[in-house]
PDB file of N, CA and C in Angstrom:
ATOM      1  N   MET A   1     -24.477  -5.768  49.518  1.00  0.00           N
ATOM      2  CA  MET A   1     -25.550  -6.293  48.695  1.00  0.00           C
ATOM      3  C   MET A   1     -25.257  -5.985  47.231  1.00  0.00           C
ATOM      4  N   GLN A   2     -25.481  -6.966  46.362  1.00  0.00           N
ATOM      5  CA  GLN A   2     -25.202  -6.774  44.942  1.00  0.00           C
ATOM      6  C   GLN A   2     -26.293  -5.956  44.270  1.00  0.00           C
ATOM      7  N   GLN A   3     -25.854  -5.127  43.302  1.00  0.00           N
ATOM      8  CA  GLN A   3     -26.824  -4.377  42.522  1.00  0.00           C
ATOM      9  C   GLN A   3     -27.338  -5.258  41.399  1.00  0.00           C
ATOM     10  N   LYS A   4     -28.587  -5.025  41.017  1.00  0.00           N
ATOM     11  CA  LYS A   4     -29.186  -5.769  39.929  1.00  0.00           C
ATOM     12  C   LYS A   4     -28.560  -5.347  38.601  1.00  0.00           C
ATOM     13  N   LYS A   5     -28.319  -6.313  37.728  1.00  0.00           N
ATOM     14  CA  LYS A   5     -27.762  -6.019  36.420  1.00  0.00           C
ATOM     15  C   LYS A   5     -28.850  -5.433  35.523  1.00  0.00           C
ATOM     16  N   VAL A   6     -28.558  -4.302  34.902  1.00  0.00           N
ATOM     17  CA  VAL A   6     -29.509  -3.630  34.020  1.00  0.00           C
ATOM     18  C   VAL A   6     -29.289  -4.149  32.601  1.00  0.00           C
ATOM     19  N   PRO A   7     -30.338  -4.724  31.961  1.00  0.00           N
ATOM     20  CA  PRO A   7     -30.168  -5.207  30.596  1.00  0.00           C
ATOM     21  C   PRO A   7     -29.942  -4.047  29.625  1.00  0.00           C
ATOM     22  N   VAL A   8     -28.952  -4.207  28.759  1.00  0.00           N
ATOM     23  CA  VAL A   8     -28.594  -3.168  27.797  1.00  0.00           C
ATOM     24  C   VAL A   8     -28.829  -3.703  26.394  1.00  0.00           C
ATOM     25  N   ARG A   9     -29.405  -2.867  25.524  1.00  0.00           N
ATOM     26  CA  ARG A   9     -29.640  -3.228  24.132  1.00  0.00           C
ATOM     27  C   ARG A   9     -29.101  -2.119  23.232  1.00  0.00           C
ATOM     28  N   MET A  10     -28.865  -2.458  21.964  1.00  0.00           N
ATOM     29  CA  MET A  10     -28.332  -1.478  21.008  1.00  0.00           C
ATOM     30  C   MET A  10     -29.451  -0.965  20.107  1.00  0.00           C
ATOM     31  N   CYS A  11     -29.485   0.328  19.914  1.00  0.00           N
ATOM     32  CA  CYS A  11     -30.433   0.953  18.995  1.00  0.00           C
ATOM     33  C   CYS A  11     -29.987   0.641  17.568  1.00  0.00           C
ATOM     34  N   THR A  12     -30.912   0.152  16.741  1.00  0.00           N
ATOM     35  CA  THR A  12     -30.560  -0.173  15.360  1.00  0.00           C
ATOM     36  C   THR A  12     -30.362   1.080  14.521  1.00  0.00           C
ATOM     37  N   GLY A  13     -30.847   2.223  14.986  1.00  0.00           N
ATOM     38  CA  GLY A  13     -30.690   3.467  14.234  1.00  0.00           C
ATOM     39  C   GLY A  13     -29.356   4.145  14.468  1.00  0.00           C
ATOM     40  N   CYS A  14     -29.073   4.483  15.727  1.00  0.00           N
ATOM     41  CA  CYS A  14     -27.855   5.240  16.037  1.00  0.00           C
ATOM     42  C   CYS A  14     -26.708   4.363  16.521  1.00  0.00           C
ATOM     43  N   GLY A  15     -27.001   3.112  16.902  1.00  0.00           N
ATOM     44  CA  GLY A  15     -25.962   2.197  17.356  1.00  0.00           C
ATOM     45  C   GLY A  15     -25.535   2.398  18.795  1.00  0.00           C
ATOM     46  N   GLN A  16     -26.254   3.235  19.526  1.00  0.00           N
ATOM     47  CA  GLN A  16     -25.931   3.531  20.913  1.00  0.00           C
ATOM     48  C   GLN A  16     -26.457   2.417  21.817  1.00  0.00           C
ATOM     49  N   HIS A  17     -25.676   2.022  22.816  1.00  0.00           N
ATOM     50  CA  HIS A  17     -26.097   1.018  23.791  1.00  0.00           C
ATOM     51  C   HIS A  17     -26.781   1.741  24.946  1.00  0.00           C
ATOM     52  N   LEU A  18     -28.044   1.388  25.180  1.00  0.00           N
ATOM     53  CA  LEU A  18     -28.849   2.024  26.215  1.00  0.00           C
ATOM     54  C   LEU A  18     -29.573   0.961  27.033  1.00  0.00           C
ATOM     55  N   PRO A  19     -30.018   1.316  28.249  1.00  0.00           N
ATOM     56  CA  PRO A  19     -30.836   0.377  29.022  1.00  0.00           C
ATOM     57  C   PRO A  19     -32.101   0.000  28.243  1.00  0.00           C
ATOM     58  N   LYS A  20     -32.498  -1.236  28.369  1.00  0.00           N
ATOM     59  CA  LYS A  20     -33.627  -1.781  27.609  1.00  0.00           C
ATOM     60  C   LYS A  20     -34.898  -0.951  27.770  1.00  0.00           C
ATOM     61  N   LYS A  21     -35.129  -0.427  28.966  1.00  0.00           N
ATOM     62  CA  LYS A  21     -36.356   0.333  29.231  1.00  0.00           C
ATOM     63  C   LYS A  21     -36.400   1.680  28.519  1.00  0.00           C
ATOM     64  N   GLU A  22     -35.251   2.178  28.058  1.00  0.00           N
ATOM     65  CA  GLU A  22     -35.206   3.461  27.357  1.00  0.00           C
ATOM     66  C   GLU A  22     -35.414   3.313  25.857  1.00  0.00           C
ATOM     67  N   LEU A  23     -35.588   2.082  25.377  1.00  0.00           N
ATOM     68  CA  LEU A  23     -35.736   1.822  23.954  1.00  0.00           C
ATOM     69  C   LEU A  23     -37.128   1.285  23.635  1.00  0.00           C
ATOM     70  N   VAL A  24     -37.511   1.391  22.367  1.00  0.00           N
ATOM     71  CA  VAL A  24     -38.769   0.841  21.881  1.00  0.00           C
ATOM     72  C   VAL A  24     -38.442  -0.449  21.139  1.00  0.00           C
ATOM     73  N   ARG A  25     -39.181  -1.509  21.413  1.00  0.00           N
ATOM     74  CA  ARG A  25     -38.947  -2.790  20.759  1.00  0.00           C
ATOM     75  C   ARG A  25     -39.885  -2.922  19.566  1.00  0.00           C
ATOM     76  N   VAL A  26     -39.320  -3.234  18.416  1.00  0.00           N
ATOM     77  CA  VAL A  26     -40.092  -3.532  17.219  1.00  0.00           C
ATOM     78  C   VAL A  26     -40.069  -5.049  17.068  1.00  0.00           C
ATOM     79  N   VAL A  27     -41.236  -5.664  16.890  1.00  0.00           N
ATOM     80  CA  VAL A  27     -41.355  -7.120  16.907  1.00  0.00           C
ATOM     81  C   VAL A  27     -41.907  -7.633  15.586  1.00  0.00           C
ATOM     82  N   ARG A  28     -41.323  -8.756  15.117  1.00  0.00           N
ATOM     83  CA  ARG A  28     -41.898  -9.495  13.991  1.00  0.00           C
ATOM     84  C   ARG A  28     -42.432 -10.796  14.556  1.00  0.00           C
ATOM     85  N   SER A  29     -43.739 -11.007  14.421  1.00  0.00           N
ATOM     86  CA  SER A  29     -44.354 -12.227  14.933  1.00  0.00           C
ATOM     87  C   SER A  29     -44.083 -13.393  13.990  1.00  0.00           C
ATOM     88  N   LYS A  30     -44.490 -14.584  14.399  1.00  0.00           N
ATOM     89  CA  LYS A  30     -44.305 -15.772  13.562  1.00  0.00           C
ATOM     90  C   LYS A  30     -45.048 -15.642  12.239  1.00  0.00           C
ATOM     91  N   GLU A  31     -46.144 -14.879  12.244  1.00  0.00           N
ATOM     92  CA  GLU A  31     -46.933 -14.669  11.033  1.00  0.00           C
ATOM     93  C   GLU A  31     -46.294 -13.631  10.109  1.00  0.00           C
ATOM     94  N   GLY A  32     -45.269 -12.948  10.583  1.00  0.00           N
ATOM     95  CA  GLY A  32     -44.580 -11.943   9.782  1.00  0.00           C
ATOM     96  C   GLY A  32     -45.109 -10.534   9.967  1.00  0.00           C
ATOM     97  N   VAL A  33     -45.966 -10.321  10.945  1.00  0.00           N
ATOM     98  CA  VAL A  33     -46.548  -9.004  11.199  1.00  0.00           C
ATOM     99  C   VAL A  33     -45.596  -8.202  12.079  1.00  0.00           C
ATOM    100  N   LEU A  34     -45.281  -6.973  11.655  1.00  0.00           N
ATOM    101  CA  LEU A  34     -44.415  -6.090  12.430  1.00  0.00           C
ATOM    102  C   LEU A  34     -45.260  -5.150  13.276  1.00  0.00           C
ATOM    103  N   SER A  35     -44.841  -4.955  14.522  1.00  0.00           N
ATOM    104  CA  SER A  35     -45.554  -4.036  15.408  1.00  0.00           C
ATOM    105  C   SER A  35     -44.599  -3.471  16.444  1.00  0.00           C
ATOM    106  N   VAL A  36     -45.025  -2.384  17.074  1.00  0.00           N
ATOM    107  CA  VAL A  36     -44.250  -1.760  18.145  1.00  0.00           C
ATOM    108  C   VAL A  36     -44.690  -2.376  19.458  1.00  0.00           C
ATOM    109  N   ASP A  37     -43.720  -2.840  20.241  1.00  0.00           N
ATOM    110  CA  ASP A  37     -43.991  -3.472  21.523  1.00  0.00           C
ATOM    111  C   ASP A  37     -43.510  -2.539  22.629  1.00  0.00           C
ATOM    112  N   LEU A  38     -44.424  -1.776  23.196  1.00  0.00           N
ATOM    113  CA  LEU A  38     -44.053  -0.830  24.247  1.00  0.00           C
ATOM    114  C   LEU A  38     -43.835  -1.525  25.588  1.00  0.00           C
ATOM    115  N   THR A  39     -44.371  -2.747  25.758  1.00  0.00           N
ATOM    116  CA  THR A  39     -44.196  -3.478  27.012  1.00  0.00           C
ATOM    117  C   THR A  39     -42.894  -4.265  27.027  1.00  0.00           C
ATOM    118  N   GLY A  40     -42.378  -4.646  25.849  1.00  0.00           N
ATOM    119  CA  GLY A  40     -41.152  -5.423  25.768  1.00  0.00           C
ATOM    120  C   GLY A  40     -41.357  -6.900  26.031  1.00  0.00           C
ATOM    121  N   ARG A  41     -42.599  -7.384  25.952  1.00  0.00           N
ATOM    122  CA  ARG A  41     -42.897  -8.769  26.299  1.00  0.00           C
ATOM    123  C   ARG A  41     -43.594  -9.558  25.191  1.00  0.00           C
ATOM    124  N   MET A  42     -43.854  -8.963  24.057  1.00  0.00           N
ATOM    125  CA  MET A  42     -44.540  -9.682  22.984  1.00  0.00           C
ATOM    126  C   MET A  42     -43.658 -10.796  22.436  1.00  0.00           C
ATOM    127  N   ALA A  43     -44.297 -11.871  22.001  1.00  0.00           N
ATOM    128  CA  ALA A  43     -43.567 -12.996  21.432  1.00  0.00           C
ATOM    129  C   ALA A  43     -43.119 -12.657  20.012  1.00  0.00           C
ATOM    130  N   GLY A  44     -41.924 -13.087  19.663  1.00  0.00           N
ATOM    131  CA  GLY A  44     -41.412 -12.873  18.316  1.00  0.00           C
ATOM    132  C   GLY A  44     -40.012 -12.300  18.338  1.00  0.00           C
ATOM    133  N   ARG A  45     -39.465 -12.130  17.154  1.00  0.00           N
ATOM    134  CA  ARG A  45     -38.112 -11.586  16.995  1.00  0.00           C
ATOM    135  C   ARG A  45     -38.161 -10.080  17.208  1.00  0.00           C
ATOM    136  N   GLY A  46     -37.245  -9.549  17.996  1.00  0.00           N
ATOM    137  CA  GLY A  46     -37.275  -8.133  18.319  1.00  0.00           C
ATOM    138  C   GLY A  46     -36.019  -7.397  17.920  1.00  0.00           C
ATOM    139  N   ALA A  47     -36.184  -6.114  17.647  1.00  0.00           N
ATOM    140  CA  ALA A  47     -35.085  -5.193  17.410  1.00  0.00           C
ATOM    141  C   ALA A  47     -35.444  -3.902  18.145  1.00  0.00           C
ATOM    142  N   TYR A  48     -34.432  -3.180  18.573  1.00  0.00           N
ATOM    143  CA  TYR A  48     -34.669  -2.018  19.415  1.00  0.00           C
ATOM    144  C   TYR A  48     -34.305  -0.727  18.705  1.00  0.00           C
ATOM    145  N   VAL A  49     -35.105   0.324  18.976  1.00  0.00           N
ATOM    146  CA  VAL A  49     -34.898   1.656  18.410  1.00  0.00           C
ATOM    147  C   VAL A  49     -35.131   2.667  19.527  1.00  0.00           C
ATOM    148  N   CYS A  50     -34.392   3.780  19.502  1.00  0.00           N
ATOM    149  CA  CYS A  50     -34.620   4.860  20.468  1.00  0.00           C
ATOM    150  C   CYS A  50     -36.039   5.403  20.313  1.00  0.00           C
ATOM    151  N   HIS A  51     -36.510   6.124  21.302  1.00  0.00           N
ATOM    152  CA  HIS A  51     -37.828   6.767  21.229  1.00  0.00           C
ATOM    153  C   HIS A  51     -37.832   7.910  20.223  1.00  0.00           C
ATOM    154  N   ASN A  52     -36.711   8.130  19.567  1.00  0.00           N
ATOM    155  CA  ASN A  52     -36.541   9.211  18.610  1.00  0.00           C
ATOM    156  C   ASN A  52     -36.909   8.720  17.210  1.00  0.00           C
ATOM    157  N   VAL A  53     -37.759   9.463  16.502  1.00  0.00           N
ATOM    158  CA  VAL A  53     -38.167   9.090  15.148  1.00  0.00           C
ATOM    159  C   VAL A  53     -36.976   9.151  14.192  1.00  0.00           C
ATOM    160  N   ASP A  54     -36.001  10.018  14.475  1.00  0.00           N
ATOM    161  CA  ASP A  54     -34.818  10.115  13.622  1.00  0.00           C
ATOM    162  C   ASP A  54     -34.030   8.803  13.607  1.00  0.00           C
ATOM    163  N   CYS A  55     -33.982   8.107  14.735  1.00  0.00           N
ATOM    164  CA  CYS A  55     -33.285   6.812  14.780  1.00  0.00           C
ATOM    165  C   CYS A  55     -33.996   5.786  13.907  1.00  0.00           C
ATOM    166  N   LEU A  56     -35.319   5.807  13.890  1.00  0.00           N
ATOM    167  CA  LEU A  56     -36.065   4.898  13.024  1.00  0.00           C
ATOM    168  C   LEU A  56     -35.774   5.228  11.562  1.00  0.00           C
ATOM    169  N   ARG A  57     -35.675   6.505  11.250  1.00  0.00           N
ATOM    170  CA  ARG A  57     -35.364   6.908   9.866  1.00  0.00           C
ATOM    171  C   ARG A  57     -33.964   6.458   9.461  1.00  0.00           C
ATOM    172  N   LYS A  58     -33.000   6.536  10.390  1.00  0.00           N
ATOM    173  CA  LYS A  58     -31.643   6.046  10.106  1.00  0.00           C
ATOM    174  C   LYS A  58     -31.639   4.549   9.866  1.00  0.00           C
ATOM    175  N   ALA A  59     -32.384   3.820  10.706  1.00  0.00           N
ATOM    176  CA  ALA A  59     -32.475   2.365  10.549  1.00  0.00           C
ATOM    177  C   ALA A  59     -33.150   2.005   9.226  1.00  0.00           C
ATOM    178  N   ARG A  60     -34.121   2.811   8.834  1.00  0.00           N
ATOM    179  CA  ARG A  60     -34.819   2.580   7.561  1.00  0.00           C
ATOM    180  C   ARG A  60     -33.892   2.820   6.384  1.00  0.00           C
ATOM    181  N   LYS A  61     -33.133   3.896   6.439  1.00  0.00           N
ATOM    182  CA  LYS A  61     -32.234   4.253   5.344  1.00  0.00           C
ATOM    183  C   LYS A  61     -31.148   3.194   5.154  1.00  0.00           C
ATOM    184  N   ALA A  62     -30.603   2.675   6.245  1.00  0.00           N
ATOM    185  CA  ALA A  62     -29.535   1.681   6.186  1.00  0.00           C
ATOM    186  C   ALA A  62     -30.075   0.245   6.116  1.00  0.00           C
ATOM    187  N   ARG A  63     -31.401   0.104   6.108  1.00  0.00           N
ATOM    188  CA  ARG A  63     -32.061  -1.208   6.050  1.00  0.00           C
ATOM    189  C   ARG A  63     -31.638  -2.133   7.191  1.00  0.00           C
ATOM    190  N   ARG A  64     -31.426  -1.566   8.361  1.00  0.00           N
ATOM    191  CA  ARG A  64     -30.984  -2.364   9.509  1.00  0.00           C
ATOM    192  C   ARG A  64     -32.098  -3.241  10.076  1.00  0.00           C
ATOM    193  N   LEU A  65     -33.329  -2.742  10.044  1.00  0.00           N
ATOM    194  CA  LEU A  65     -34.434  -3.575  10.535  1.00  0.00           C
ATOM    195  C   LEU A  65     -34.682  -4.756   9.596  1.00  0.00           C
ATOM    196  N   GLU A  66     -34.505  -4.535   8.307  1.00  0.00           N
ATOM    197  CA  GLU A  66     -34.674  -5.629   7.344  1.00  0.00           C
ATOM    198  C   GLU A  66     -33.629  -6.713   7.580  1.00  0.00           C
ATOM    199  N   ARG A  67     -32.415  -6.309   7.909  1.00  0.00           N
ATOM    200  CA  ARG A  67     -31.369  -7.284   8.219  1.00  0.00           C
ATOM    201  C   ARG A  67     -31.663  -8.014   9.524  1.00  0.00           C
ATOM    202  N   ALA A  68     -32.163  -7.289  10.504  1.00  0.00           N
ATOM    203  CA  ALA A  68     -32.463  -7.904  11.799  1.00  0.00           C
ATOM    204  C   ALA A  68     -33.605  -8.916  11.689  1.00  0.00           C
ATOM    205  N   PHE A  69     -34.603  -8.605  10.866  1.00  0.00           N
ATOM    206  CA  PHE A  69     -35.762  -9.482  10.739  1.00  0.00           C
ATOM    207  C   PHE A  69     -35.659 -10.443   9.561  1.00  0.00           C
ATOM    208  N   GLU A  70     -34.634 -10.291   8.752  1.00  0.00           N
ATOM    209  CA  GLU A  70     -34.394 -11.161   7.590  1.00  0.00           C
ATOM    210  C   GLU A  70     -35.598 -11.221   6.659  1.00  0.00           C
ATOM    211  N   CYS A  71     -36.206 -10.061   6.412  1.00  0.00           N
ATOM    212  CA  CYS A  71     -37.326  -9.980   5.471  1.00  0.00           C
ATOM    213  C   CYS A  71     -37.426  -8.557   4.930  1.00  0.00           C
ATOM    214  N   ARG A  72     -38.119  -8.391   3.818  1.00  0.00           N
ATOM    215  CA  ARG A  72     -38.344  -7.076   3.213  1.00  0.00           C
ATOM    216  C   ARG A  72     -39.471  -6.393   3.978  1.00  0.00           C
ATOM    217  N   ILE A  73     -39.282  -5.112   4.271  1.00  0.00           N
ATOM    218  CA  ILE A  73     -40.287  -4.355   5.016  1.00  0.00           C
ATOM    219  C   ILE A  73     -40.858  -3.281   4.100  1.00  0.00           C
ATOM    220  N   PRO A  74     -42.174  -3.326   3.819  1.00  0.00           N
ATOM    221  CA  PRO A  74     -42.793  -2.318   2.943  1.00  0.00           C
ATOM    222  C   PRO A  74     -42.777  -0.919   3.566  1.00  0.00           C
ATOM    223  N   ASP A  75     -42.853   0.099   2.728  1.00  0.00           N
ATOM    224  CA  ASP A  75     -42.848   1.490   3.192  1.00  0.00           C
ATOM    225  C   ASP A  75     -44.028   1.799   4.113  1.00  0.00           C
ATOM    226  N   GLU A  76     -45.176   1.169   3.865  1.00  0.00           N
ATOM    227  CA  GLU A  76     -46.361   1.422   4.702  1.00  0.00           C
ATOM    228  C   GLU A  76     -46.097   1.009   6.146  1.00  0.00           C
ATOM    229  N   VAL A  77     -45.340  -0.079   6.322  1.00  0.00           N
ATOM    230  CA  VAL A  77     -45.036  -0.555   7.671  1.00  0.00           C
ATOM    231  C   VAL A  77     -44.120   0.437   8.388  1.00  0.00           C
ATOM    232  N   TYR A  78     -43.115   0.952   7.673  1.00  0.00           N
ATOM    233  CA  TYR A  78     -42.231   1.960   8.263  1.00  0.00           C
ATOM    234  C   TYR A  78     -43.023   3.205   8.660  1.00  0.00           C
ATOM    235  N   ASP A  79     -43.954   3.622   7.800  1.00  0.00           N
ATOM    236  CA  ASP A  79     -44.771   4.797   8.116  1.00  0.00           C
ATOM    237  C   ASP A  79     -45.611   4.550   9.368  1.00  0.00           C
ATOM    238  N   ARG A  80     -46.179   3.350   9.479  1.00  0.00           N
ATOM    239  CA  ARG A  80     -46.988   3.014  10.652  1.00  0.00           C
ATOM    240  C   ARG A  80     -46.130   2.961  11.913  1.00  0.00           C
ATOM    241  N   LEU A  81     -44.927   2.381  11.807  1.00  0.00           N
ATOM    242  CA  LEU A  81     -44.018   2.322  12.951  1.00  0.00           C
ATOM    243  C   LEU A  81     -43.620   3.727  13.403  1.00  0.00           C
ATOM    244  N   GLU A  82     -43.334   4.588  12.432  1.00  0.00           N
ATOM    245  CA  GLU A  82     -42.972   5.975  12.744  1.00  0.00           C
ATOM    246  C   GLU A  82     -44.099   6.678  13.481  1.00  0.00           C
ATOM    247  N   GLU A  83     -45.326   6.445  13.031  1.00  0.00           N
ATOM    248  CA  GLU A  83     -46.489   7.048  13.665  1.00  0.00           C
ATOM    249  C   GLU A  83     -46.677   6.531  15.092  1.00  0.00           C
ATOM    250  N   GLU A  84     -46.522   5.206  15.282  1.00  0.00           N
ATOM    251  CA  GLU A  84     -46.693   4.604  16.606  1.00  0.00           C
ATOM    252  C   GLU A  84     -45.620   5.075  17.577  1.00  0.00           C
ATOM    253  N   ILE A  85     -44.375   5.195  17.106  1.00  0.00           N
ATOM    254  CA  ILE A  85     -43.292   5.657  17.980  1.00  0.00           C
ATOM    255  C   ILE A  85     -43.508   7.114  18.366  1.00  0.00           C
ATOM    256  N   SER A  86     -43.922   7.947  17.407  1.00  0.00           N
ATOM    257  CA  SER A  86     -44.138   9.361  17.726  1.00  0.00           C
ATOM    258  C   SER A  86     -45.306   9.527  18.690  1.00  0.00           C
ATOM    259  N   GLN A  87     -46.333   8.672  18.610  1.00  0.00           N
ATOM    260  CA  GLN A  87     -47.457   8.739  19.547  1.00  0.00           C
ATOM    261  C   GLN A  87     -47.062   8.221  20.918  1.00  0.00           C
ATOM    262  N   GLY A  88     -46.200   7.220  20.961  1.00  0.00           N
ATOM    263  CA  GLY A  88     -45.767   6.647  22.229  1.00  0.00           C
ATOM    264  C   GLY A  88     -44.905   7.582  23.049  1.00  0.00           C
ATOM    265  N   VAL A  89     -44.230   8.518  22.382  1.00  0.00           N
ATOM    266  CA  VAL A  89     -43.344   9.465  23.076  1.00  0.00           C
ATOM    267  C   VAL A  89     -44.155  10.521  23.810  1.00  0.00           C
ATOM    268  N   GLU A  90     -45.261  10.928  23.229  1.00  0.00           N
ATOM    269  CA  GLU A  90     -46.054  12.037  23.792  1.00  0.00           C
ATOM    270  C   GLU A  90     -46.605  11.759  25.139  1.00  0.00           C
TER     271      GLU A  90
END
């Protein structure tokens, strides 16, 4: 019997390839609103980050999320994302 293929995604912070379920999806909707998608099913463009706040900080410093979403991301949004990821880990 064949094993099911596990979807793998890359963390935008550390660049590590991990199973999709071990990562947090950050989504930009059609309206341009950024949010954390813990279910992995929200509509919109997505980028993945580890459950580690340090990976989000690395992605912020290198502007990797801005490149992935092709838009400027204000500091308030990064702060909110950091808060949501840290709450989701607990």
